[in-house]
Amino acid sequence: MKLWGDDLRTPPDGWAWAKTSAEAIGMLTDHAVTELSLDHDLGGDDTTRPVVLWMCEHEVWPEVVRVHSANPVGVEWLTGMVDRYRP
């Protein structure tokens, strides 16, 4: 399964769509996600930081992890965590 984490941008064809961090974590828990693409800001106070922290804590890493955010600070944080903790 390919998972798109973004509250605004429509996912590419064939991708499941998680609009909140809780939805993304639920999908990672319940499905074999092979590819993940994350926006940083998900509306309000929600971001995909909890998703990446959850993956770190549970050692759940899709084969491909991308960040498609327009938030430069968010991109730096997400990619830094993925680069540091992804096996």
PDB file of N, CA and C in Angstrom:
ATOM      1  N   MET A   1       0.835  -1.173   0.000  1.00  0.00           N
ATOM      2  CA  MET A   1       0.000   0.000   0.000  1.00  0.00           C
ATOM      3  C   MET A   1       0.886   1.244   0.000  1.00  0.00           C
ATOM      4  N   LYS A   2       0.480   2.248  -0.757  1.00  0.00           N
ATOM      5  CA  LYS A   2       1.157   3.538  -0.779  1.00  0.00           C
ATOM      6  C   LYS A   2       0.301   4.510   0.018  1.00  0.00           C
ATOM      7  N   LEU A   3       0.942   5.258   0.923  1.00  0.00           N
ATOM      8  CA  LEU A   3       0.219   6.141   1.833  1.00  0.00           C
ATOM      9  C   LEU A   3       0.647   7.589   1.633  1.00  0.00           C
ATOM     10  N   TRP A   4      -0.329   8.470   1.442  1.00  0.00           N
ATOM     11  CA  TRP A   4      -0.142   9.900   1.224  1.00  0.00           C
ATOM     12  C   TRP A   4      -0.643  10.620   2.469  1.00  0.00           C
ATOM     13  N   GLY A   5       0.242  11.296   3.192  1.00  0.00           N
ATOM     14  CA  GLY A   5      -0.143  12.039   4.380  1.00  0.00           C
ATOM     15  C   GLY A   5      -0.194  13.529   4.089  1.00  0.00           C
ATOM     16  N   ASP A   6      -1.382  14.062   3.895  1.00  0.00           N
ATOM     17  CA  ASP A   6      -1.555  15.471   3.517  1.00  0.00           C
ATOM     18  C   ASP A   6      -3.022  15.832   3.710  1.00  0.00           C
ATOM     19  N   ASP A   7      -3.282  16.993   4.271  1.00  0.00           N
ATOM     20  CA  ASP A   7      -4.672  17.391   4.495  1.00  0.00           C
ATOM     21  C   ASP A   7      -5.289  18.125   3.311  1.00  0.00           C
ATOM     22  N   LEU A   8      -4.471  18.631   2.384  1.00  0.00           N
ATOM     23  CA  LEU A   8      -5.000  19.438   1.281  1.00  0.00           C
ATOM     24  C   LEU A   8      -4.766  18.846  -0.098  1.00  0.00           C
ATOM     25  N   ARG A   9      -3.556  18.419  -0.379  1.00  0.00           N
ATOM     26  CA  ARG A   9      -3.218  17.940  -1.716  1.00  0.00           C
ATOM     27  C   ARG A   9      -3.807  16.553  -1.951  1.00  0.00           C
ATOM     28  N   THR A  10      -4.440  16.389  -3.087  1.00  0.00           N
ATOM     29  CA  THR A  10      -5.009  15.099  -3.466  1.00  0.00           C
ATOM     30  C   THR A  10      -3.882  14.127  -3.788  1.00  0.00           C
ATOM     31  N   PRO A  11      -3.980  12.892  -3.309  1.00  0.00           N
ATOM     32  CA  PRO A  11      -2.915  11.930  -3.580  1.00  0.00           C
ATOM     33  C   PRO A  11      -2.913  11.489  -5.039  1.00  0.00           C
ATOM     34  N   PRO A  12      -1.767  10.992  -5.492  1.00  0.00           N
ATOM     35  CA  PRO A  12      -1.726  10.397  -6.835  1.00  0.00           C
ATOM     36  C   PRO A  12      -2.639   9.168  -6.894  1.00  0.00           C
ATOM     37  N   ASP A  13      -3.016   8.780  -8.085  1.00  0.00           N
ATOM     38  CA  ASP A  13      -3.834   7.568  -8.258  1.00  0.00           C
ATOM     39  C   ASP A  13      -3.151   6.377  -7.599  1.00  0.00           C
ATOM     40  N   GLY A  14      -3.955   5.572  -6.920  1.00  0.00           N
ATOM     41  CA  GLY A  14      -3.447   4.354  -6.305  1.00  0.00           C
ATOM     42  C   GLY A  14      -2.906   4.533  -4.896  1.00  0.00           C
ATOM     43  N   TRP A  15      -2.969   5.734  -4.370  1.00  0.00           N
ATOM     44  CA  TRP A  15      -2.459   5.994  -3.022  1.00  0.00           C
ATOM     45  C   TRP A  15      -3.625   6.127  -2.040  1.00  0.00           C
ATOM     46  N   ALA A  16      -3.449   5.573  -0.833  1.00  0.00           N
ATOM     47  CA  ALA A  16      -4.396   5.799   0.259  1.00  0.00           C
ATOM     48  C   ALA A  16      -4.124   7.183   0.831  1.00  0.00           C
ATOM     49  N   TRP A  17      -5.166   7.835   1.347  1.00  0.00           N
ATOM     50  CA  TRP A  17      -5.043   9.216   1.804  1.00  0.00           C
ATOM     51  C   TRP A  17      -5.315   9.313   3.296  1.00  0.00           C
ATOM     52  N   ALA A  18      -4.324   9.798   4.043  1.00  0.00           N
ATOM     53  CA  ALA A  18      -4.486  10.100   5.463  1.00  0.00           C
ATOM     54  C   ALA A  18      -4.405  11.608   5.627  1.00  0.00           C
ATOM     55  N   LYS A  19      -5.455  12.208   6.171  1.00  0.00           N
ATOM     56  CA  LYS A  19      -5.497  13.665   6.317  1.00  0.00           C
ATOM     57  C   LYS A  19      -5.074  14.137   7.707  1.00  0.00           C
ATOM     58  N   THR A  20      -4.888  13.204   8.640  1.00  0.00           N
ATOM     59  CA  THR A  20      -4.426  13.555   9.987  1.00  0.00           C
ATOM     60  C   THR A  20      -3.296  12.605  10.382  1.00  0.00           C
ATOM     61  N   SER A  21      -2.545  12.991  11.391  1.00  0.00           N
ATOM     62  CA  SER A  21      -1.473  12.112  11.867  1.00  0.00           C
ATOM     63  C   SER A  21      -2.059  10.830  12.458  1.00  0.00           C
ATOM     64  N   ALA A  22      -3.198  10.932  13.134  1.00  0.00           N
ATOM     65  CA  ALA A  22      -3.830   9.738  13.707  1.00  0.00           C
ATOM     66  C   ALA A  22      -4.264   8.762  12.615  1.00  0.00           C
ATOM     67  N   GLU A  23      -4.822   9.277  11.522  1.00  0.00           N
ATOM     68  CA  GLU A  23      -5.204   8.399  10.402  1.00  0.00           C
ATOM     69  C   GLU A  23      -3.974   7.717   9.813  1.00  0.00           C
ATOM     70  N   ALA A  24      -2.885   8.459   9.653  1.00  0.00           N
ATOM     71  CA  ALA A  24      -1.660   7.882   9.079  1.00  0.00           C
ATOM     72  C   ALA A  24      -1.103   6.780   9.977  1.00  0.00           C
ATOM     73  N   ILE A  25      -1.057   7.036  11.272  1.00  0.00           N
ATOM     74  CA  ILE A  25      -0.557   6.012  12.208  1.00  0.00           C
ATOM     75  C   ILE A  25      -1.458   4.786  12.180  1.00  0.00           C
ATOM     76  N   GLY A  26      -2.763   4.998  12.116  1.00  0.00           N
ATOM     77  CA  GLY A  26      -3.690   3.871  12.022  1.00  0.00           C
ATOM     78  C   GLY A  26      -3.447   3.033  10.780  1.00  0.00           C
ATOM     79  N   MET A  27      -3.218   3.683   9.666  1.00  0.00           N
ATOM     80  CA  MET A  27      -2.960   2.945   8.426  1.00  0.00           C
ATOM     81  C   MET A  27      -1.626   2.210   8.490  1.00  0.00           C
ATOM     82  N   LEU A  28      -0.612   2.840   9.084  1.00  0.00           N
ATOM     83  CA  LEU A  28       0.678   2.161   9.244  1.00  0.00           C
ATOM     84  C   LEU A  28       0.553   0.956  10.172  1.00  0.00           C
ATOM     85  N   THR A  29      -0.341   1.060  11.141  1.00  0.00           N
ATOM     86  CA  THR A  29      -0.561  -0.038  12.084  1.00  0.00           C
ATOM     87  C   THR A  29      -1.309  -1.193  11.433  1.00  0.00           C
ATOM     88  N   ASP A  30      -2.302  -0.868  10.606  1.00  0.00           N
ATOM     89  CA  ASP A  30      -3.206  -1.882  10.073  1.00  0.00           C
ATOM     90  C   ASP A  30      -2.834  -2.435   8.701  1.00  0.00           C
ATOM     91  N   HIS A  31      -1.906  -1.791   7.997  1.00  0.00           N
ATOM     92  CA  HIS A  31      -1.591  -2.193   6.619  1.00  0.00           C
ATOM     93  C   HIS A  31      -0.082  -2.253   6.399  1.00  0.00           C
ATOM     94  N   ALA A  32       0.311  -3.034   5.418  1.00  0.00           N
ATOM     95  CA  ALA A  32       1.715  -3.074   5.017  1.00  0.00           C
ATOM     96  C   ALA A  32       1.951  -1.919   4.050  1.00  0.00           C
ATOM     97  N   VAL A  33       2.489  -0.824   4.564  1.00  0.00           N
ATOM     98  CA  VAL A  33       2.755   0.352   3.746  1.00  0.00           C
ATOM     99  C   VAL A  33       4.153   0.210   3.153  1.00  0.00           C
ATOM    100  N   THR A  34       4.230   0.254   1.831  1.00  0.00           N
ATOM    101  CA  THR A  34       5.526   0.106   1.155  1.00  0.00           C
ATOM    102  C   THR A  34       6.121   1.444   0.753  1.00  0.00           C
ATOM    103  N   GLU A  35       5.250   2.447   0.599  1.00  0.00           N
ATOM    104  CA  GLU A  35       5.713   3.769   0.197  1.00  0.00           C
ATOM    105  C   GLU A  35       4.904   4.809   0.960  1.00  0.00           C
ATOM    106  N   LEU A  36       5.602   5.845   1.443  1.00  0.00           N
ATOM    107  CA  LEU A  36       4.976   6.877   2.257  1.00  0.00           C
ATOM    108  C   LEU A  36       5.466   8.241   1.785  1.00  0.00           C
ATOM    109  N   SER A  37       4.538   9.162   1.592  1.00  0.00           N
ATOM    110  CA  SER A  37       4.895  10.538   1.241  1.00  0.00           C
ATOM    111  C   SER A  37       4.167  11.467   2.201  1.00  0.00           C
ATOM    112  N   LEU A  38       4.925  12.362   2.846  1.00  0.00           N
ATOM    113  CA  LEU A  38       4.369  13.189   3.911  1.00  0.00           C
ATOM    114  C   LEU A  38       4.484  14.682   3.636  1.00  0.00           C
ATOM    115  N   ASP A  39       3.391  15.389   3.894  1.00  0.00           N
ATOM    116  CA  ASP A  39       3.419  16.833   4.052  1.00  0.00           C
ATOM    117  C   ASP A  39       3.746  17.044   5.533  1.00  0.00           C
ATOM    118  N   HIS A  40       4.243  18.203   5.912  1.00  0.00           N
ATOM    119  CA  HIS A  40       4.517  18.452   7.324  1.00  0.00           C
ATOM    120  C   HIS A  40       3.272  18.955   8.042  1.00  0.00           C
ATOM    121  N   ASP A  41       2.657  20.005   7.520  1.00  0.00           N
ATOM    122  CA  ASP A  41       1.523  20.648   8.186  1.00  0.00           C
ATOM    123  C   ASP A  41       0.211  20.003   7.756  1.00  0.00           C
ATOM    124  N   LEU A  42      -0.582  19.592   8.741  1.00  0.00           N
ATOM    125  CA  LEU A  42      -1.842  18.913   8.437  1.00  0.00           C
ATOM    126  C   LEU A  42      -3.061  19.695   8.900  1.00  0.00           C
ATOM    127  N   GLY A  43      -2.918  20.958   9.139  1.00  0.00           N
ATOM    128  CA  GLY A  43      -4.058  21.767   9.561  1.00  0.00           C
ATOM    129  C   GLY A  43      -4.135  21.880  11.064  1.00  0.00           C
ATOM    130  N   GLY A  44      -4.458  23.085  11.525  1.00  0.00           N
ATOM    131  CA  GLY A  44      -4.498  23.309  12.971  1.00  0.00           C
ATOM    132  C   GLY A  44      -3.126  23.070  13.566  1.00  0.00           C
ATOM    133  N   ASP A  45      -3.098  22.375  14.688  1.00  0.00           N
ATOM    134  CA  ASP A  45      -1.829  22.059  15.345  1.00  0.00           C
ATOM    135  C   ASP A  45      -1.262  20.722  14.911  1.00  0.00           C
ATOM    136  N   ASP A  46      -1.942  20.012  14.024  1.00  0.00           N
ATOM    137  CA  ASP A  46      -1.510  18.675  13.614  1.00  0.00           C
ATOM    138  C   ASP A  46      -0.401  18.754  12.565  1.00  0.00           C
ATOM    139  N   THR A  47       0.584  17.892  12.717  1.00  0.00           N
ATOM    140  CA  THR A  47       1.663  17.739  11.741  1.00  0.00           C
ATOM    141  C   THR A  47       1.929  16.253  11.559  1.00  0.00           C
ATOM    142  N   THR A  48       2.853  15.913  10.681  1.00  0.00           N
ATOM    143  CA  THR A  48       3.229  14.501  10.528  1.00  0.00           C
ATOM    144  C   THR A  48       4.413  14.127  11.428  1.00  0.00           C
ATOM    145  N   ARG A  49       4.841  15.036  12.281  1.00  0.00           N
ATOM    146  CA  ARG A  49       5.902  14.677  13.230  1.00  0.00           C
ATOM    147  C   ARG A  49       5.516  13.472  14.098  1.00  0.00           C
ATOM    148  N   PRO A  50       4.277  13.408  14.626  1.00  0.00           N
ATOM    149  CA  PRO A  50       3.910  12.217  15.401  1.00  0.00           C
ATOM    150  C   PRO A  50       4.003  10.917  14.587  1.00  0.00           C
ATOM    151  N   VAL A  51       3.772  10.997  13.294  1.00  0.00           N
ATOM    152  CA  VAL A  51       3.866   9.812  12.433  1.00  0.00           C
ATOM    153  C   VAL A  51       5.306   9.313  12.401  1.00  0.00           C
ATOM    154  N   VAL A  52       6.235  10.229  12.180  1.00  0.00           N
ATOM    155  CA  VAL A  52       7.646   9.847  12.114  1.00  0.00           C
ATOM    156  C   VAL A  52       8.135   9.370  13.477  1.00  0.00           C
ATOM    157  N   LEU A  53       7.715  10.037  14.546  1.00  0.00           N
ATOM    158  CA  LEU A  53       8.098   9.578  15.884  1.00  0.00           C
ATOM    159  C   LEU A  53       7.548   8.186  16.156  1.00  0.00           C
ATOM    160  N   TRP A  54       6.317   7.915  15.732  1.00  0.00           N
ATOM    161  CA  TRP A  54       5.723   6.591  15.904  1.00  0.00           C
ATOM    162  C   TRP A  54       6.531   5.547  15.135  1.00  0.00           C
ATOM    163  N   MET A  55       6.920   5.867  13.908  1.00  0.00           N
ATOM    164  CA  MET A  55       7.715   4.913  13.121  1.00  0.00           C
ATOM    165  C   MET A  55       9.053   4.639  13.803  1.00  0.00           C
ATOM    166  N   CYS A  56       9.664   5.676  14.379  1.00  0.00           N
ATOM    167  CA  CYS A  56      10.919   5.489  15.102  1.00  0.00           C
ATOM    168  C   CYS A  56      10.725   4.569  16.307  1.00  0.00           C
ATOM    169  N   GLU A  57       9.698   4.832  17.085  1.00  0.00           N
ATOM    170  CA  GLU A  57       9.447   4.070  18.310  1.00  0.00           C
ATOM    171  C   GLU A  57       9.063   2.621  18.032  1.00  0.00           C
ATOM    172  N   HIS A  58       8.348   2.380  16.936  1.00  0.00           N
ATOM    173  CA  HIS A  58       7.858   1.036  16.638  1.00  0.00           C
ATOM    174  C   HIS A  58       8.670   0.317  15.560  1.00  0.00           C
ATOM    175  N   GLU A  59       9.707   0.987  15.070  1.00  0.00           N
ATOM    176  CA  GLU A  59      10.583   0.423  14.040  1.00  0.00           C
ATOM    177  C   GLU A  59       9.782  -0.078  12.842  1.00  0.00           C
ATOM    178  N   VAL A  60       8.832   0.750  12.415  1.00  0.00           N
ATOM    179  CA  VAL A  60       8.020   0.475  11.232  1.00  0.00           C
ATOM    180  C   VAL A  60       8.440   1.475  10.169  1.00  0.00           C
ATOM    181  N   TRP A  61       9.079   0.976   9.112  1.00  0.00           N
ATOM    182  CA  TRP A  61       9.591   1.846   8.060  1.00  0.00           C
ATOM    183  C   TRP A  61       9.212   1.316   6.692  1.00  0.00           C
ATOM    184  N   PRO A  62       8.393   2.060   5.950  1.00  0.00           N
ATOM    185  CA  PRO A  62       8.139   1.678   4.561  1.00  0.00           C
ATOM    186  C   PRO A  62       9.452   1.675   3.768  1.00  0.00           C
ATOM    187  N   GLU A  63       9.481   0.932   2.682  1.00  0.00           N
ATOM    188  CA  GLU A  63      10.682   0.874   1.841  1.00  0.00           C
ATOM    189  C   GLU A  63      11.079   2.253   1.342  1.00  0.00           C
ATOM    190  N   VAL A  64      10.094   3.069   0.996  1.00  0.00           N
ATOM    191  CA  VAL A  64      10.343   4.414   0.473  1.00  0.00           C
ATOM    192  C   VAL A  64       9.611   5.411   1.357  1.00  0.00           C
ATOM    193  N   VAL A  65      10.338   6.432   1.823  1.00  0.00           N
ATOM    194  CA  VAL A  65       9.737   7.515   2.598  1.00  0.00           C
ATOM    195  C   VAL A  65      10.136   8.828   1.931  1.00  0.00           C
ATOM    196  N   ARG A  66       9.127   9.618   1.557  1.00  0.00           N
ATOM    197  CA  ARG A  66       9.375  10.918   0.915  1.00  0.00           C
ATOM    198  C   ARG A  66       8.692  12.018   1.719  1.00  0.00           C
ATOM    199  N   VAL A  67       9.180  13.233   1.527  1.00  0.00           N
ATOM    200  CA  VAL A  67       8.553  14.405   2.127  1.00  0.00           C
ATOM    201  C   VAL A  67       8.222  15.355   0.984  1.00  0.00           C
ATOM    202  N   HIS A  68       6.962  15.758   0.895  1.00  0.00           N
ATOM    203  CA  HIS A  68       6.536  16.656  -0.179  1.00  0.00           C
ATOM    204  C   HIS A  68       6.025  17.990   0.358  1.00  0.00           C
ATOM    205  N   SER A  69       6.485  18.395   1.505  1.00  0.00           N
ATOM    206  CA  SER A  69       6.015  19.602   2.167  1.00  0.00           C
ATOM    207  C   SER A  69       6.650  20.866   1.588  1.00  0.00           C
ATOM    208  N   ALA A  70       5.908  21.969   1.651  1.00  0.00           N
ATOM    209  CA  ALA A  70       6.421  23.281   1.263  1.00  0.00           C
ATOM    210  C   ALA A  70       6.994  24.032   2.467  1.00  0.00           C
ATOM    211  N   ASN A  71       6.941  23.434   3.647  1.00  0.00           N
ATOM    212  CA  ASN A  71       7.450  24.054   4.871  1.00  0.00           C
ATOM    213  C   ASN A  71       8.924  23.657   5.038  1.00  0.00           C
ATOM    214  N   PRO A  72       9.869  24.590   4.812  1.00  0.00           N
ATOM    215  CA  PRO A  72      11.286  24.216   4.834  1.00  0.00           C
ATOM    216  C   PRO A  72      11.772  23.709   6.194  1.00  0.00           C
ATOM    217  N   VAL A  73      11.275  24.286   7.272  1.00  0.00           N
ATOM    218  CA  VAL A  73      11.670  23.814   8.599  1.00  0.00           C
ATOM    219  C   VAL A  73      11.094  22.421   8.842  1.00  0.00           C
ATOM    220  N   GLY A  74       9.844  22.211   8.424  1.00  0.00           N
ATOM    221  CA  GLY A  74       9.230  20.894   8.556  1.00  0.00           C
ATOM    222  C   GLY A  74       9.946  19.844   7.730  1.00  0.00           C
ATOM    223  N   VAL A  75      10.323  20.190   6.518  1.00  0.00           N
ATOM    224  CA  VAL A  75      11.070  19.259   5.657  1.00  0.00           C
ATOM    225  C   VAL A  75      12.377  18.864   6.330  1.00  0.00           C
ATOM    226  N   GLU A  76      13.077  19.846   6.874  1.00  0.00           N
ATOM    227  CA  GLU A  76      14.356  19.569   7.534  1.00  0.00           C
ATOM    228  C   GLU A  76      14.170  18.615   8.712  1.00  0.00           C
ATOM    229  N   TRP A  77      13.135  18.847   9.518  1.00  0.00           N
ATOM    230  CA  TRP A  77      12.901  17.988  10.680  1.00  0.00           C
ATOM    231  C   TRP A  77      12.550  16.573  10.237  1.00  0.00           C
ATOM    232  N   LEU A  78      11.578  16.445   9.324  1.00  0.00           N
ATOM    233  CA  LEU A  78      11.136  15.122   8.875  1.00  0.00           C
ATOM    234  C   LEU A  78      12.267  14.350   8.216  1.00  0.00           C
ATOM    235  N   THR A  79      12.960  14.971   7.268  1.00  0.00           N
ATOM    236  CA  THR A  79      14.039  14.254   6.569  1.00  0.00           C
ATOM    237  C   THR A  79      15.189  13.940   7.514  1.00  0.00           C
ATOM    238  N   GLY A  80      15.456  14.837   8.454  1.00  0.00           N
ATOM    239  CA  GLY A  80      16.516  14.564   9.431  1.00  0.00           C
ATOM    240  C   GLY A  80      16.210  13.345  10.276  1.00  0.00           C
ATOM    241  N   MET A  81      14.971  13.237  10.731  1.00  0.00           N
ATOM    242  CA  MET A  81      14.573  12.078  11.539  1.00  0.00           C
ATOM    243  C   MET A  81      14.609  10.791  10.718  1.00  0.00           C
ATOM    244  N   VAL A  82      14.103  10.856   9.497  1.00  0.00           N
ATOM    245  CA  VAL A  82      14.116   9.668   8.630  1.00  0.00           C
ATOM    246  C   VAL A  82      15.547   9.246   8.342  1.00  0.00           C
ATOM    247  N   ASP A  83      16.407  10.201   7.996  1.00  0.00           N
ATOM    248  CA  ASP A  83      17.808   9.879   7.687  1.00  0.00           C
ATOM    249  C   ASP A  83      18.524   9.304   8.900  1.00  0.00           C
ATOM    250  N   ARG A  84      18.178   9.787  10.084  1.00  0.00           N
ATOM    251  CA  ARG A  84      18.874   9.339  11.286  1.00  0.00           C
ATOM    252  C   ARG A  84      18.387   7.969  11.767  1.00  0.00           C
ATOM    253  N   TYR A  85      17.080   7.720  11.711  1.00  0.00           N
ATOM    254  CA  TYR A  85      16.543   6.529  12.382  1.00  0.00           C
ATOM    255  C   TYR A  85      16.077   5.416  11.465  1.00  0.00           C
ATOM    256  N   ARG A  86      15.892   5.689  10.192  1.00  0.00           N
ATOM    257  CA  ARG A  86      15.456   4.629   9.284  1.00  0.00           C
ATOM    258  C   ARG A  86      16.617   3.667   9.035  1.00  0.00           C
ATOM    259  N   PRO A  87      16.380   2.375   9.190  1.00  0.00           N
ATOM    260  CA  PRO A  87      17.474   1.405   8.970  1.00  0.00           C
ATOM    261  C   PRO A  87      17.923   1.367   7.516  1.00  0.00           C
TER     262      PRO A  87
END
